[in-house]
Amino acid sequence: MLHTLKPAPGSRKKSIRRGRGSSAGRGTTAGRGTKGYGSRSGSSTARNFEGGQTPLLMRQPKLGGFKNPNHKEYEVVNVGDLEQKAAAGKYDVKTLKSQKIVSTNKPVKLLSRGEVKKKFDITIHAASKAAIAAIEKAGGKVTVLN
């Protein structure tokens, strides 16, 4: 019956009554220590208080960094990728995209990682000196667009 219901034994505990004399076990300072901000009534620290060390928000840089307005982001094609994925011949950005060597609409830059033995005639936006030398060594030609 509802009127016979009782909480489980040990589930209800009497709360400690602090500051009710020495014999109570929590008398005089009532567990707050002696003096200081924490012993006073109404004392509470902010949630972000870090114990007197410089707070995280103040340790962060005040302003953002510098972004170069003239920075160009290229899609990179390595000479070794051309050797593996393409047959010898003439290529420009459109044909590289149609053969899925290039996937984005960013300007294309040729870099020199890998070896090349096939003869390529390539027209792209940018190329490293080493990449141009590698293509020309294999008998090809690199034209850089401006």
Protein backbone atom coordinates (compact mmCIF):
# COMPACT_ATOMS: atom_id res chain seq x y z
CA MET A 1 0.00 0.00 0.00
CA LEU A 2 1.12 3.56 -0.64
CA HIS A 3 1.03 4.55 3.02
CA THR A 4 3.53 1.80 3.94
CA LEU A 5 6.21 2.88 1.47
CA LYS A 6 9.58 3.76 3.00
CA PRO A 7 12.90 4.75 1.42
CA ALA A 8 15.53 2.00 1.20
CA PRO A 9 17.68 1.74 4.34
CA GLY A 10 20.81 3.92 4.06
CA SER A 11 19.45 6.01 1.15
CA ARG A 12 18.41 8.94 3.34
CA LYS A 13 21.12 10.58 5.39
CA LYS A 14 20.81 13.45 7.82
CA SER A 15 22.58 16.58 6.54
CA ILE A 16 25.52 17.93 8.55
CA ARG A 17 24.56 21.02 10.57
CA ARG A 18 27.72 23.10 10.42
CA GLY A 19 28.63 25.76 12.94
CA ARG A 20 26.55 24.47 15.85
CA GLY A 21 29.25 24.37 18.56
CA SER A 22 32.43 22.43 19.21
CA SER A 23 30.72 19.19 20.25
CA ALA A 24 28.94 18.99 16.87
CA GLY A 25 32.29 18.36 15.17
CA ARG A 26 31.87 21.24 12.74
CA GLY A 27 31.80 24.16 15.15
CA THR A 28 33.69 27.48 15.25
CA THR A 29 34.98 27.83 11.65
CA ALA A 30 32.49 25.24 10.30
CA GLY A 31 35.00 23.73 7.87
CA ARG A 32 35.74 27.03 6.13
CA GLY A 33 39.23 27.47 7.55
CA THR A 34 40.41 30.56 9.38
CA LYS A 35 40.18 34.03 7.81
CA GLY A 36 40.36 34.81 4.13
CA TYR A 37 37.79 35.33 1.41
CA GLY A 38 36.47 31.77 1.57
CA SER A 39 35.62 32.00 5.25
CA ARG A 40 33.28 34.99 4.77
CA SER A 41 29.58 34.72 4.12
CA GLY A 42 28.58 35.38 0.55
CA SER A 43 31.95 34.29 -0.79
CA SER A 44 32.07 32.42 -4.08
CA THR A 45 34.59 32.42 -6.89
CA ALA A 46 33.78 32.79 -10.55
CA ARG A 47 33.47 29.55 -12.53
CA ASN A 48 36.48 30.50 -14.64
CA PHE A 49 38.68 31.42 -11.65
CA GLU A 50 42.00 29.55 -11.85
CA GLY A 51 43.35 30.07 -8.35
CA GLY A 52 45.28 33.27 -9.03
CA GLN A 53 47.17 32.04 -12.09
CA THR A 54 46.70 34.12 -15.25
CA PRO A 55 43.38 32.97 -16.73
CA LEU A 56 43.31 31.04 -20.00
CA LEU A 57 41.47 33.83 -21.83
CA MET A 58 44.14 36.35 -20.87
CA ARG A 59 46.93 33.98 -21.95
CA GLN A 60 45.52 33.74 -25.49
CA PRO A 61 46.88 36.10 -28.17
CA LYS A 62 44.90 39.32 -28.29
CA LEU A 63 44.72 39.70 -32.06
CA GLY A 64 44.60 37.25 -34.96
CA GLY A 65 47.56 36.64 -37.21
CA PHE A 66 48.41 38.08 -40.60
CA LYS A 67 46.85 36.74 -43.78
CA ASN A 68 48.70 37.62 -46.96
CA PRO A 69 46.12 39.05 -49.39
CA ASN A 70 48.31 38.04 -52.36
CA HIS A 71 48.69 34.38 -51.36
CA LYS A 72 47.90 31.95 -54.18
CA GLU A 73 46.91 28.38 -53.41
CA TYR A 74 47.88 25.92 -56.12
CA GLU A 75 46.87 22.36 -56.84
CA VAL A 76 50.09 20.40 -56.97
CA VAL A 77 50.96 17.92 -59.73
CA ASN A 78 54.22 16.05 -59.33
CA VAL A 79 56.32 14.91 -62.28
CA GLY A 80 56.08 11.32 -60.99
CA ASP A 81 52.26 11.52 -61.08
CA LEU A 82 52.38 12.53 -64.74
CA GLU A 83 54.71 9.62 -65.47
CA GLN A 84 52.31 7.15 -63.85
CA LYS A 85 48.90 8.49 -64.84
CA ALA A 86 49.41 10.02 -68.29
CA ALA A 87 50.78 8.94 -71.64
CA ALA A 88 53.41 11.06 -73.40
CA GLY A 89 51.91 14.00 -75.27
CA LYS A 90 50.59 17.52 -75.06
CA TYR A 91 48.71 18.63 -71.93
CA ASP A 92 47.07 21.77 -70.60
CA VAL A 93 44.95 22.36 -67.48
CA LYS A 94 41.74 21.22 -69.21
CA THR A 95 43.19 17.91 -70.37
CA LEU A 96 44.76 17.29 -66.95
CA LYS A 97 41.30 17.81 -65.43
CA SER A 98 39.57 15.56 -67.96
CA GLN A 99 42.10 12.79 -67.20
CA LYS A 100 41.45 13.32 -63.45
CA ILE A 101 45.08 14.20 -62.66
CA VAL A 102 43.76 17.56 -61.38
CA SER A 103 40.50 17.68 -59.42
CA THR A 104 39.90 21.30 -58.27
CA ASN A 105 39.57 24.65 -60.01
CA LYS A 106 42.70 26.03 -58.34
CA PRO A 107 45.66 27.04 -60.52
CA VAL A 108 48.02 24.13 -61.18
CA LYS A 109 51.68 23.99 -60.17
CA LEU A 110 54.14 21.35 -61.39
CA LEU A 111 56.65 20.07 -58.82
CA SER A 112 59.62 17.75 -59.24
CA ARG A 113 58.88 14.78 -56.96
CA GLY A 114 59.45 11.53 -58.85
CA GLU A 115 61.13 10.69 -62.14
CA VAL A 116 60.01 11.31 -65.70
CA LYS A 117 61.06 9.46 -68.84
CA LYS A 118 58.16 10.27 -71.18
CA LYS A 119 58.08 13.34 -73.38
CA PHE A 120 55.49 15.84 -72.13
CA ASP A 121 54.51 19.22 -73.56
CA ILE A 122 52.70 20.92 -70.67
CA THR A 123 50.97 24.30 -70.33
CA ILE A 124 50.20 25.19 -66.70
CA HIS A 125 50.03 28.14 -64.26
CA ALA A 126 53.31 27.59 -62.37
CA ALA A 127 56.24 25.17 -62.16
CA SER A 128 59.36 24.75 -60.04
CA LYS A 129 62.77 25.09 -61.67
CA ALA A 130 63.60 21.47 -60.85
CA ALA A 131 60.35 20.26 -62.46
CA ILE A 132 61.04 22.27 -65.64
CA ALA A 133 64.57 20.84 -65.75
CA ALA A 134 63.28 17.26 -65.32
CA ILE A 135 60.70 17.62 -68.13
CA GLU A 136 63.22 19.25 -70.48
CA LYS A 137 65.81 16.56 -69.67
CA ALA A 138 63.27 13.94 -70.85
CA GLY A 139 62.83 15.91 -74.10
CA GLY A 140 59.62 17.73 -73.18
CA LYS A 141 58.60 21.36 -72.82
CA VAL A 142 56.91 23.38 -70.05
CA THR A 143 54.96 26.56 -70.80
CA VAL A 144 53.98 28.71 -67.81
CA LEU A 145 50.81 30.80 -68.07
CA ASN A 146 50.68 34.29 -66.53
